[in-house]
Amino acid sequence: MLPVRHRARPRSLLALLCGALLLGSAGCASGSEALLGRGTSGTSGSNGTSGTTDAVTAPQPSLDPADFNAVLERVIDGRGMVDYATLQRDPARLDRYLQALADLPRERFSSWSEAEQIALLINAYNALTLRSIIDHDPIRPSIRAIPGVWKVRRHKLMGLHLTLDEIEHRILRREYNEPRIHAALVCAAISCPPLRREAYTGAALERQLEDQTNRWLASAVGLRIDPAAGEVAISQIFQWFGEDWPRADPDAAPVPGHEKESAVLHFIARHRPAGERQLLLGGDYRLSYLPYNWDLNRQSP
């Protein structure tokens, strides 16, 4: 698997947002270390330690994803397509999960392992995306037909009011050196990776991310290889967020003819059979990006 280089502990989510979103000097000063439970000098931090120590208490219980699991099992089919009409008629369990995310104390989140934090944030992004789609009646044919869906519309998460873009780009991508999140975050489009029929959890995250990546790259929206024509086409996700892969794998060996994309191609090759792996790393092909279908990932009637 990709030798992901995680930070020992991610920086404070609130500190990040204070700097990025200018939340106000008083709030930033008082809460800059709140999410990870790091105290300030001379006071008892939220991790129960005093002052300048970096000690961390035992993790508090993770958030039970039972409600979100029930939603996913009910409205997601084997291809990862969504029955939005059913969800729109009965969103009670989705809304209960979203309320739990809104009410989750940041101190509890900050006590968790990095895997548990990543799992929660992926679940939050996917659940909030589902809610954004069913908030419109009739359901829009594409998420892009919802004004401000990524950059303007705000959602309550751990007491903060965040956009989907802030969750993805300012938190998950910036704070965690884990490019496999791109196989798990689902933007409600046909060309997105398939939506999983189970919530992510810290305990299962490694298995789930590997499986998601394998499924994505085995699909026509992730990777297409035509050996006879000497052509390889990959998802535009690898182009849009291309810097995430060399950051996680800075020592990736150059792929001849595709040196700039070497880390991406090594990542893809690790998740493909031996024959494709040899072709991808040999470099003797034309590399392009697949067209992106933004039609809604809804089940056929």
Protein backbone atom coordinates (compact mmCIF):
# COMPACT_ATOMS: atom_id res chain seq x y z
CA MET A 1 0.00 0.00 0.00
CA LEU A 2 0.98 3.63 -0.33
CA PRO A 3 3.43 4.64 2.41
CA VAL A 4 1.25 7.43 3.79
CA ARG A 5 3.16 9.86 5.99
CA HIS A 6 0.70 10.98 8.64
CA ARG A 7 1.44 13.65 11.18
CA ALA A 8 1.84 12.34 14.70
CA ARG A 9 -1.17 14.47 15.64
CA PRO A 10 -3.14 16.76 13.32
CA ARG A 11 -3.30 20.44 14.09
CA SER A 12 -6.36 21.90 15.72
CA LEU A 13 -9.36 22.11 13.41
CA LEU A 14 -10.48 25.30 15.10
CA ALA A 15 -7.01 26.82 14.81
CA LEU A 16 -7.00 26.04 11.13
CA LEU A 17 -10.38 27.62 10.57
CA CYS A 18 -9.49 30.67 12.60
CA GLY A 19 -6.59 31.34 10.28
CA ALA A 20 -8.37 30.40 7.09
CA LEU A 21 -11.80 31.84 7.74
CA LEU A 22 -11.01 34.79 10.05
CA LEU A 23 -13.46 33.65 12.69
CA GLY A 24 -12.52 36.52 14.98
CA SER A 25 -9.55 37.16 17.20
CA ALA A 26 -11.26 36.40 20.50
CA GLY A 27 -12.58 33.03 19.38
CA CYS A 28 -9.29 32.10 17.77
CA ALA A 29 -7.24 33.01 20.78
CA SER A 30 -9.41 31.12 23.22
CA GLY A 31 -9.99 28.02 21.11
CA SER A 32 -6.94 27.61 18.90
CA GLU A 33 -6.10 24.24 20.43
CA ALA A 34 -9.60 23.20 21.42
CA LEU A 35 -10.20 20.47 18.91
CA LEU A 36 -7.15 18.42 19.86
CA GLY A 37 -7.57 19.12 23.54
CA ARG A 38 -4.26 20.89 24.06
CA GLY A 39 -4.25 23.19 27.04
CA THR A 40 -2.75 26.64 27.40
CA SER A 41 0.04 27.57 29.77
CA GLY A 42 -0.96 27.59 33.40
CA THR A 43 -4.40 26.13 32.83
CA SER A 44 -5.90 22.72 32.69
CA GLY A 45 -6.45 21.72 29.06
CA SER A 46 -9.47 19.87 27.78
CA ASN A 47 -7.40 16.68 27.77
CA GLY A 48 -7.20 16.95 31.53
CA THR A 49 -3.50 17.77 31.57
CA SER A 50 -1.99 20.94 32.87
CA GLY A 51 -0.30 23.73 31.02
CA THR A 52 2.37 22.94 28.47
CA THR A 53 2.29 19.14 28.50
CA ASP A 54 1.41 17.28 25.30
CA ALA A 55 -0.03 14.28 27.11
CA VAL A 56 -3.31 12.98 25.76
CA THR A 57 -5.91 11.13 27.78
CA ALA A 58 -7.48 7.89 26.70
CA PRO A 59 -9.81 8.31 23.71
CA GLN A 60 -13.43 9.04 24.50
CA PRO A 61 -16.07 6.85 22.83
CA SER A 62 -16.45 7.22 19.09
CA LEU A 63 -19.71 8.43 17.60
CA ASP A 64 -22.07 5.53 16.91
CA PRO A 65 -22.79 5.54 13.14
CA ALA A 66 -25.81 3.21 13.43
CA ASP A 67 -28.25 5.78 12.04
CA PHE A 68 -26.01 6.55 9.08
CA ASN A 69 -25.43 2.84 8.45
CA ALA A 70 -29.19 2.32 8.36
CA VAL A 71 -29.55 5.12 5.79
CA LEU A 72 -26.78 3.78 3.57
CA GLU A 73 -28.08 0.22 3.68
CA ARG A 74 -31.57 1.42 2.76
CA VAL A 75 -30.87 3.80 -0.13
CA ILE A 76 -27.55 2.70 -1.70
CA ASP A 77 -27.46 -0.13 -4.23
CA GLY A 78 -24.58 -2.40 -5.18
CA ARG A 79 -23.26 0.09 -7.73
CA GLY A 80 -23.14 2.93 -5.20
CA MET A 81 -26.17 4.68 -6.71
CA VAL A 82 -28.64 6.46 -4.41
CA ASP A 83 -32.42 6.22 -4.06
CA TYR A 84 -32.88 9.91 -3.31
CA ALA A 85 -36.67 9.77 -3.58
CA THR A 86 -36.91 7.25 -0.73
CA LEU A 87 -34.49 9.24 1.37
CA GLN A 88 -36.38 12.46 0.72
CA ARG A 89 -39.65 10.85 1.86
CA ASP A 90 -38.13 9.62 5.10
CA PRO A 91 -34.96 11.45 6.19
CA ALA A 92 -35.46 10.89 9.93
CA ARG A 93 -32.42 8.69 10.55
CA LEU A 94 -30.18 10.84 8.37
CA ASP A 95 -31.27 13.92 10.30
CA ARG A 96 -30.68 12.16 13.60
CA TYR A 97 -27.12 11.38 12.55
CA LEU A 98 -26.56 14.94 11.37
CA GLN A 99 -27.80 16.24 14.71
CA ALA A 100 -25.33 13.97 16.47
CA LEU A 101 -22.54 15.43 14.31
CA ALA A 102 -23.68 18.96 15.13
CA ASP A 103 -23.73 18.23 18.87
CA LEU A 104 -20.46 16.28 19.02
CA PRO A 105 -18.09 17.99 21.49
CA ARG A 106 -14.78 18.99 19.91
CA GLU A 107 -12.96 17.73 22.99
CA ARG A 108 -14.34 14.26 22.35
CA PHE A 109 -13.27 14.38 18.70
CA SER A 110 -9.81 15.60 19.66
CA SER A 111 -9.24 12.59 21.91
CA TRP A 112 -9.64 10.14 19.04
CA SER A 113 -7.00 8.52 16.88
CA GLU A 114 -6.32 10.05 13.49
CA ALA A 115 -8.13 7.15 11.80
CA GLU A 116 -11.25 7.80 13.89
CA GLN A 117 -11.13 11.50 13.06
CA ILE A 118 -10.77 10.85 9.32
CA ALA A 119 -13.65 8.35 9.39
CA LEU A 120 -15.94 10.84 11.14
CA LEU A 121 -15.11 13.64 8.69
CA ILE A 122 -15.68 11.43 5.63
CA ASN A 123 -19.03 10.34 7.06
CA ALA A 124 -19.95 13.94 7.78
CA TYR A 125 -19.12 15.07 4.24
CA ASN A 126 -21.10 12.26 2.64
CA ALA A 127 -24.09 12.63 4.97
CA LEU A 128 -24.23 16.40 4.46
CA THR A 129 -24.03 15.91 0.69
CA LEU A 130 -27.01 13.57 0.81
CA ARG A 131 -28.92 16.15 2.84
CA SER A 132 -28.00 18.90 0.38
CA ILE A 133 -29.50 16.88 -2.47
CA ILE A 134 -32.81 15.98 -0.79
CA ASP A 135 -33.32 19.54 0.48
CA HIS A 136 -34.51 20.40 -3.03
CA ASP A 137 -37.89 19.33 -4.39
CA PRO A 138 -37.88 18.37 -7.14
CA ILE A 139 -34.45 16.80 -6.77
CA ARG A 140 -31.99 18.52 -9.06
CA PRO A 141 -30.51 16.56 -11.98
CA SER A 142 -26.99 17.48 -10.83
CA ILE A 143 -25.44 18.72 -7.61
CA ARG A 144 -24.00 21.56 -9.68
CA ALA A 145 -27.56 22.85 -10.15
CA ILE A 146 -27.68 23.70 -6.41
CA PRO A 147 -26.34 27.25 -5.96
CA GLY A 148 -23.56 27.53 -3.39
CA VAL A 149 -23.66 23.84 -2.49
CA TRP A 150 -19.91 23.63 -1.84
CA LYS A 151 -18.79 27.16 -1.01
CA VAL A 152 -21.77 28.98 0.51
CA ARG A 153 -24.17 26.56 2.19
CA ARG A 154 -23.06 25.98 5.80
CA HIS A 155 -23.64 22.98 8.02
CA LYS A 156 -23.22 22.57 11.75
CA LEU A 157 -20.41 20.19 12.69
CA MET A 158 -19.08 20.02 16.25
CA GLY A 159 -20.52 23.45 16.91
CA LEU A 160 -18.83 25.03 13.90
CA HIS A 161 -20.67 26.17 10.77
CA LEU A 162 -18.73 24.79 7.82
CA THR A 163 -19.16 24.44 4.08
CA LEU A 164 -18.52 21.17 2.26
CA ASP A 165 -15.43 22.73 0.70
CA GLU A 166 -14.06 23.63 4.12
CA ILE A 167 -14.54 20.09 5.38
CA GLU A 168 -12.80 18.63 2.34
CA HIS A 169 -10.10 21.12 1.41
CA ARG A 170 -9.31 23.05 4.60
CA ILE A 171 -9.60 20.13 7.00
CA LEU A 172 -9.36 16.65 5.47
CA ARG A 173 -6.89 17.43 2.70
CA ARG A 174 -4.82 19.93 4.65
CA GLU A 175 -4.75 18.29 8.06
CA TYR A 176 -4.41 14.60 7.16
CA ASN A 177 -1.86 13.27 4.70
CA GLU A 178 -4.20 10.61 3.32
CA PRO A 179 -4.98 10.80 -0.43
CA ARG A 180 -7.27 7.75 -0.28
CA ILE A 181 -9.98 10.07 1.05
CA HIS A 182 -10.61 10.89 -2.61
CA ALA A 183 -11.95 7.36 -3.09
CA ALA A 184 -14.33 7.84 -0.16
CA LEU A 185 -15.68 11.40 -0.48
CA VAL A 186 -18.69 11.27 -2.77
CA CYS A 187 -19.89 14.45 -4.48
CA ALA A 188 -23.19 12.95 -5.71
CA ALA A 189 -22.11 12.68 -9.36
CA ILE A 190 -21.91 9.69 -11.69
CA SER A 191 -18.15 10.12 -12.08
CA CYS A 192 -17.53 10.25 -8.33
CA PRO A 193 -16.31 7.07 -6.63
CA PRO A 194 -19.19 4.81 -5.57
CA LEU A 195 -20.90 5.60 -2.28
CA ARG A 196 -20.20 2.87 0.24
CA ARG A 197 -23.09 0.99 1.88
CA GLU A 198 -21.55 1.34 5.33
CA ALA A 199 -20.21 4.19 7.42
CA TYR A 200 -16.47 4.56 7.89
CA THR A 201 -15.02 3.75 11.31
CA GLY A 202 -11.59 4.19 12.81
CA ALA A 203 -11.18 0.48 13.47
CA ALA A 204 -12.01 -0.50 9.88
CA LEU A 205 -10.67 2.57 8.07
CA GLU A 206 -7.58 0.94 6.55
CA ARG A 207 -9.60 -1.93 5.10
CA GLN A 208 -12.38 0.39 3.94
CA LEU A 209 -10.09 2.88 2.19
CA GLU A 210 -8.17 0.11 0.45
CA ASP A 211 -11.40 -1.51 -0.71
CA GLN A 212 -12.83 1.81 -1.86
CA THR A 213 -9.69 2.62 -3.82
CA ASN A 214 -9.69 -0.81 -5.46
CA ARG A 215 -13.37 -0.48 -6.41
CA TRP A 216 -12.90 3.03 -7.78
CA LEU A 217 -9.88 2.14 -9.91
CA ALA A 218 -11.59 -1.02 -11.18
CA SER A 219 -14.47 1.10 -12.48
CA ALA A 220 -14.78 3.01 -15.73
CA VAL A 221 -14.94 6.32 -13.84
CA GLY A 222 -11.59 5.75 -12.13
CA LEU A 223 -9.28 4.25 -14.74
CA ARG A 224 -9.36 3.08 -18.36
CA ILE A 225 -6.45 1.33 -20.01
CA ASP A 226 -6.22 0.47 -23.71
CA PRO A 227 -2.91 -1.39 -24.15
CA ALA A 228 -3.39 -1.86 -27.90
CA ALA A 229 -3.84 1.86 -28.44
CA GLY A 230 -1.19 2.75 -25.88
CA GLU A 231 -3.60 4.91 -23.91
CA VAL A 232 -4.28 5.37 -20.20
CA ALA A 233 -7.07 7.63 -18.94
CA ILE A 234 -7.57 8.43 -15.26
CA SER A 235 -10.16 10.32 -13.24
CA GLN A 236 -9.97 14.10 -13.26
CA ILE A 237 -9.83 13.86 -9.47
CA PHE A 238 -6.14 13.01 -9.91
CA GLN A 239 -5.72 16.25 -11.85
CA TRP A 240 -7.77 18.51 -9.58
CA PHE A 241 -6.05 17.36 -6.40
CA GLY A 242 -2.79 16.11 -7.90
CA GLU A 243 -0.59 17.65 -5.20
CA ASP A 244 -2.02 15.28 -2.56
CA TRP A 245 -0.21 12.21 -3.93
CA PRO A 246 3.39 13.49 -4.06
CA ARG A 247 2.91 14.93 -0.58
CA ALA A 248 2.06 11.43 0.66
CA ASP A 249 4.69 9.68 -1.47
CA PRO A 250 7.51 12.18 -2.08
CA ASP A 251 10.00 9.43 -2.94
CA ALA A 252 7.99 7.90 -5.77
CA ALA A 253 10.33 6.79 -8.56
CA PRO A 254 9.90 8.77 -11.78
CA VAL A 255 7.65 7.19 -14.40
CA PRO A 256 9.30 7.71 -17.82
CA GLY A 257 7.45 10.32 -19.84
CA HIS A 258 5.12 11.15 -16.96
CA GLU A 259 7.46 12.42 -14.27
CA LYS A 260 5.01 15.03 -12.97
CA GLU A 261 2.33 12.37 -12.41
CA SER A 262 4.72 9.76 -10.95
CA ALA A 263 3.23 9.67 -7.44
CA VAL A 264 -0.30 9.40 -8.84
CA LEU A 265 0.71 6.59 -11.21
CA HIS A 266 2.49 4.67 -8.44
CA PHE A 267 -0.64 5.01 -6.31
CA ILE A 268 -2.85 3.68 -9.10
CA ALA A 269 -0.41 0.88 -9.93
CA ARG A 270 -0.40 -0.38 -6.35
CA HIS A 271 -4.13 -1.01 -6.64
CA ARG A 272 -4.11 -2.78 -10.01
CA PRO A 273 -3.13 -6.28 -11.18
CA ALA A 274 0.48 -7.05 -12.07
CA GLY A 275 0.07 -6.64 -15.82
CA GLU A 276 -1.48 -3.21 -15.53
CA ARG A 277 1.04 -2.24 -12.86
CA GLN A 278 3.93 -2.98 -15.22
CA LEU A 279 2.34 -0.96 -18.00
CA LEU A 280 1.55 2.01 -15.76
CA LEU A 281 5.07 2.23 -14.36
CA GLY A 282 6.73 1.61 -17.74
CA GLY A 283 5.37 4.92 -19.04
CA ASP A 284 5.00 3.90 -22.68
CA TYR A 285 1.52 5.32 -23.27
CA ARG A 286 -0.44 8.53 -23.74
CA LEU A 287 -1.92 9.76 -20.46
CA SER A 288 -5.20 11.66 -20.40
CA TYR A 289 -8.05 12.47 -18.03
CA LEU A 290 -11.52 10.97 -18.27
CA PRO A 291 -14.51 13.23 -18.97
CA TYR A 292 -16.40 13.94 -15.76
CA ASN A 293 -20.11 13.18 -15.71
CA TRP A 294 -21.81 15.51 -13.21
CA ASP A 295 -25.25 13.91 -13.59
CA LEU A 296 -26.70 12.92 -10.22
CA ASN A 297 -25.71 9.48 -8.92
CA ARG A 298 -29.33 8.45 -8.57
CA GLN A 299 -30.79 5.02 -9.07
CA SER A 300 -32.80 4.45 -12.23
CA PRO A 301 -36.59 4.52 -11.66
